[in-house]
Protein backbone atom coordinates (compact mmCIF):
# COMPACT_ATOMS: atom_id res chain seq x y z
CA UNK A 1 0.00 0.00 0.00
CA UNK A 2 1.42 3.35 -1.05
CA UNK A 3 0.66 6.36 1.11
CA UNK A 4 0.38 9.84 -0.34
CA UNK A 5 2.75 12.12 1.49
CA UNK A 6 2.13 15.79 0.95
CA UNK A 7 4.31 18.60 2.31
CA UNK A 8 2.83 20.97 4.88
CA UNK A 9 0.32 23.32 3.30
CA UNK A 10 2.32 26.35 4.49
CA UNK A 11 5.30 25.27 2.37
CA UNK A 12 3.22 25.04 -0.81
CA UNK A 13 4.14 27.62 -3.44
CA UNK A 14 1.59 26.70 -6.11
CA UNK A 15 -1.59 28.79 -6.52
CA UNK A 16 -3.74 25.66 -6.92
CA UNK A 17 -3.63 22.01 -5.92
CA UNK A 18 -4.99 18.85 -7.54
CA UNK A 19 -7.98 17.06 -6.05
CA UNK A 20 -6.01 14.35 -4.23
CA UNK A 21 -3.80 16.85 -2.39
CA UNK A 22 -6.78 19.05 -1.50
CA UNK A 23 -8.67 16.03 -0.16
CA UNK A 24 -5.67 15.17 2.01
CA UNK A 25 -5.45 18.66 3.52
CA UNK A 26 -9.22 18.88 4.12
CA UNK A 27 -9.39 15.30 5.46
CA UNK A 28 -12.03 14.34 2.90
CA UNK A 29 -12.17 11.75 0.15
CA UNK A 30 -11.36 12.85 -3.39
CA UNK A 31 -14.83 11.82 -4.48
CA UNK A 32 -16.34 14.27 -1.97
CA UNK A 33 -14.44 17.10 -3.62
CA UNK A 34 -15.52 15.96 -7.08
CA UNK A 35 -19.09 15.99 -5.83
CA UNK A 36 -18.66 19.54 -4.52
CA UNK A 37 -17.36 20.57 -7.93
CA UNK A 38 -20.17 18.86 -9.81
CA UNK A 39 -23.00 20.08 -7.59
CA UNK A 40 -21.33 23.44 -6.83
CA UNK A 41 -22.32 23.11 -3.19
CA UNK A 42 -19.03 22.81 -1.31
CA UNK A 43 -17.10 25.37 0.72
CA UNK A 44 -14.57 25.72 -2.12
CA UNK A 45 -15.17 26.05 -5.84
CA UNK A 46 -12.43 24.65 -8.05
CA UNK A 47 -11.06 26.13 -11.22
CA UNK A 48 -11.42 23.88 -14.25
CA UNK A 49 -8.28 23.70 -16.37
CA UNK A 50 -8.57 21.53 -19.50
CA UNK A 51 -11.17 19.36 -17.82
CA UNK A 52 -9.19 18.94 -14.60
CA UNK A 53 -10.03 20.42 -11.23
CA UNK A 54 -7.60 22.84 -9.61
CA UNK A 55 -8.37 23.92 -6.05
CA UNK A 56 -7.15 27.40 -4.97
CA UNK A 57 -4.70 27.17 -2.07
CA UNK A 58 -5.95 30.47 -0.69
CA UNK A 59 -9.48 29.05 -0.37
CA UNK A 60 -8.19 25.83 1.21
CA UNK A 61 -6.38 27.88 3.84
CA UNK A 62 -9.53 29.93 4.52
CA UNK A 63 -11.60 26.79 5.06
CA UNK A 64 -8.96 25.46 7.47
CA UNK A 65 -8.79 28.78 9.30
CA UNK A 66 -5.11 29.22 8.47
CA UNK A 67 -5.60 32.41 6.45
CA UNK A 68 -8.35 34.98 6.64
C-alpha atoms as a PDB file:
ATOM      1  CA  UNK A   1       0.000   0.000   0.000  1.00  0.00           C
ATOM      2  CA  UNK A   2       1.415   3.350  -1.051  1.00  0.00           C
ATOM      3  CA  UNK A   3       0.663   6.364   1.109  1.00  0.00           C
ATOM      4  CA  UNK A   4       0.384   9.836  -0.336  1.00  0.00           C
ATOM      5  CA  UNK A   5       2.747  12.125   1.491  1.00  0.00           C
ATOM      6  CA  UNK A   6       2.131  15.789   0.947  1.00  0.00           C
ATOM      7  CA  UNK A   7       4.314  18.596   2.312  1.00  0.00           C
ATOM      8  CA  UNK A   8       2.827  20.972   4.885  1.00  0.00           C
ATOM      9  CA  UNK A   9       0.318  23.323   3.302  1.00  0.00           C
ATOM     10  CA  UNK A  10       2.317  26.352   4.485  1.00  0.00           C
ATOM     11  CA  UNK A  11       5.297  25.269   2.374  1.00  0.00           C
ATOM     12  CA  UNK A  12       3.216  25.036  -0.809  1.00  0.00           C
ATOM     13  CA  UNK A  13       4.144  27.624  -3.439  1.00  0.00           C
ATOM     14  CA  UNK A  14       1.588  26.705  -6.106  1.00  0.00           C
ATOM     15  CA  UNK A  15      -1.589  28.791  -6.522  1.00  0.00           C
ATOM     16  CA  UNK A  16      -3.737  25.658  -6.920  1.00  0.00           C
ATOM     17  CA  UNK A  17      -3.627  22.009  -5.925  1.00  0.00           C
ATOM     18  CA  UNK A  18      -4.990  18.850  -7.542  1.00  0.00           C
ATOM     19  CA  UNK A  19      -7.975  17.059  -6.045  1.00  0.00           C
ATOM     20  CA  UNK A  20      -6.007  14.352  -4.229  1.00  0.00           C
ATOM     21  CA  UNK A  21      -3.805  16.846  -2.388  1.00  0.00           C
ATOM     22  CA  UNK A  22      -6.781  19.048  -1.501  1.00  0.00           C
ATOM     23  CA  UNK A  23      -8.670  16.035  -0.164  1.00  0.00           C
ATOM     24  CA  UNK A  24      -5.671  15.175   2.008  1.00  0.00           C
ATOM     25  CA  UNK A  25      -5.446  18.663   3.523  1.00  0.00           C
ATOM     26  CA  UNK A  26      -9.217  18.879   4.120  1.00  0.00           C
ATOM     27  CA  UNK A  27      -9.386  15.302   5.464  1.00  0.00           C
ATOM     28  CA  UNK A  28     -12.028  14.343   2.900  1.00  0.00           C
ATOM     29  CA  UNK A  29     -12.166  11.753   0.149  1.00  0.00           C
ATOM     30  CA  UNK A  30     -11.355  12.850  -3.389  1.00  0.00           C
ATOM     31  CA  UNK A  31     -14.831  11.825  -4.479  1.00  0.00           C
ATOM     32  CA  UNK A  32     -16.342  14.273  -1.972  1.00  0.00           C
ATOM     33  CA  UNK A  33     -14.441  17.103  -3.623  1.00  0.00           C
ATOM     34  CA  UNK A  34     -15.516  15.959  -7.084  1.00  0.00           C
ATOM     35  CA  UNK A  35     -19.086  15.988  -5.829  1.00  0.00           C
ATOM     36  CA  UNK A  36     -18.658  19.537  -4.516  1.00  0.00           C
ATOM     37  CA  UNK A  37     -17.360  20.566  -7.930  1.00  0.00           C
ATOM     38  CA  UNK A  38     -20.173  18.861  -9.810  1.00  0.00           C
ATOM     39  CA  UNK A  39     -23.000  20.085  -7.588  1.00  0.00           C
ATOM     40  CA  UNK A  40     -21.327  23.439  -6.828  1.00  0.00           C
ATOM     41  CA  UNK A  41     -22.315  23.112  -3.186  1.00  0.00           C
ATOM     42  CA  UNK A  42     -19.026  22.808  -1.307  1.00  0.00           C
ATOM     43  CA  UNK A  43     -17.098  25.369   0.722  1.00  0.00           C
ATOM     44  CA  UNK A  44     -14.566  25.716  -2.116  1.00  0.00           C
ATOM     45  CA  UNK A  45     -15.167  26.053  -5.844  1.00  0.00           C
ATOM     46  CA  UNK A  46     -12.425  24.650  -8.051  1.00  0.00           C
ATOM     47  CA  UNK A  47     -11.064  26.129 -11.222  1.00  0.00           C
ATOM     48  CA  UNK A  48     -11.419  23.876 -14.247  1.00  0.00           C
ATOM     49  CA  UNK A  49      -8.279  23.695 -16.372  1.00  0.00           C
ATOM     50  CA  UNK A  50      -8.568  21.535 -19.498  1.00  0.00           C
ATOM     51  CA  UNK A  51     -11.169  19.361 -17.817  1.00  0.00           C
ATOM     52  CA  UNK A  52      -9.189  18.938 -14.598  1.00  0.00           C
ATOM     53  CA  UNK A  53     -10.032  20.424 -11.231  1.00  0.00           C
ATOM     54  CA  UNK A  54      -7.600  22.836  -9.609  1.00  0.00           C
ATOM     55  CA  UNK A  55      -8.366  23.917  -6.045  1.00  0.00           C
ATOM     56  CA  UNK A  56      -7.153  27.400  -4.974  1.00  0.00           C
ATOM     57  CA  UNK A  57      -4.696  27.166  -2.074  1.00  0.00           C
ATOM     58  CA  UNK A  58      -5.946  30.470  -0.688  1.00  0.00           C
ATOM     59  CA  UNK A  59      -9.477  29.047  -0.369  1.00  0.00           C
ATOM     60  CA  UNK A  60      -8.191  25.828   1.212  1.00  0.00           C
ATOM     61  CA  UNK A  61      -6.384  27.876   3.838  1.00  0.00           C
ATOM     62  CA  UNK A  62      -9.534  29.932   4.516  1.00  0.00           C
ATOM     63  CA  UNK A  63     -11.601  26.790   5.064  1.00  0.00           C
ATOM     64  CA  UNK A  64      -8.958  25.464   7.466  1.00  0.00           C
ATOM     65  CA  UNK A  65      -8.790  28.784   9.299  1.00  0.00           C
ATOM     66  CA  UNK A  66      -5.110  29.224   8.472  1.00  0.00           C
ATOM     67  CA  UNK A  67      -5.602  32.411   6.446  1.00  0.00           C
ATOM     68  CA  UNK A  68      -8.351  34.976   6.644  1.00  0.00           C
END
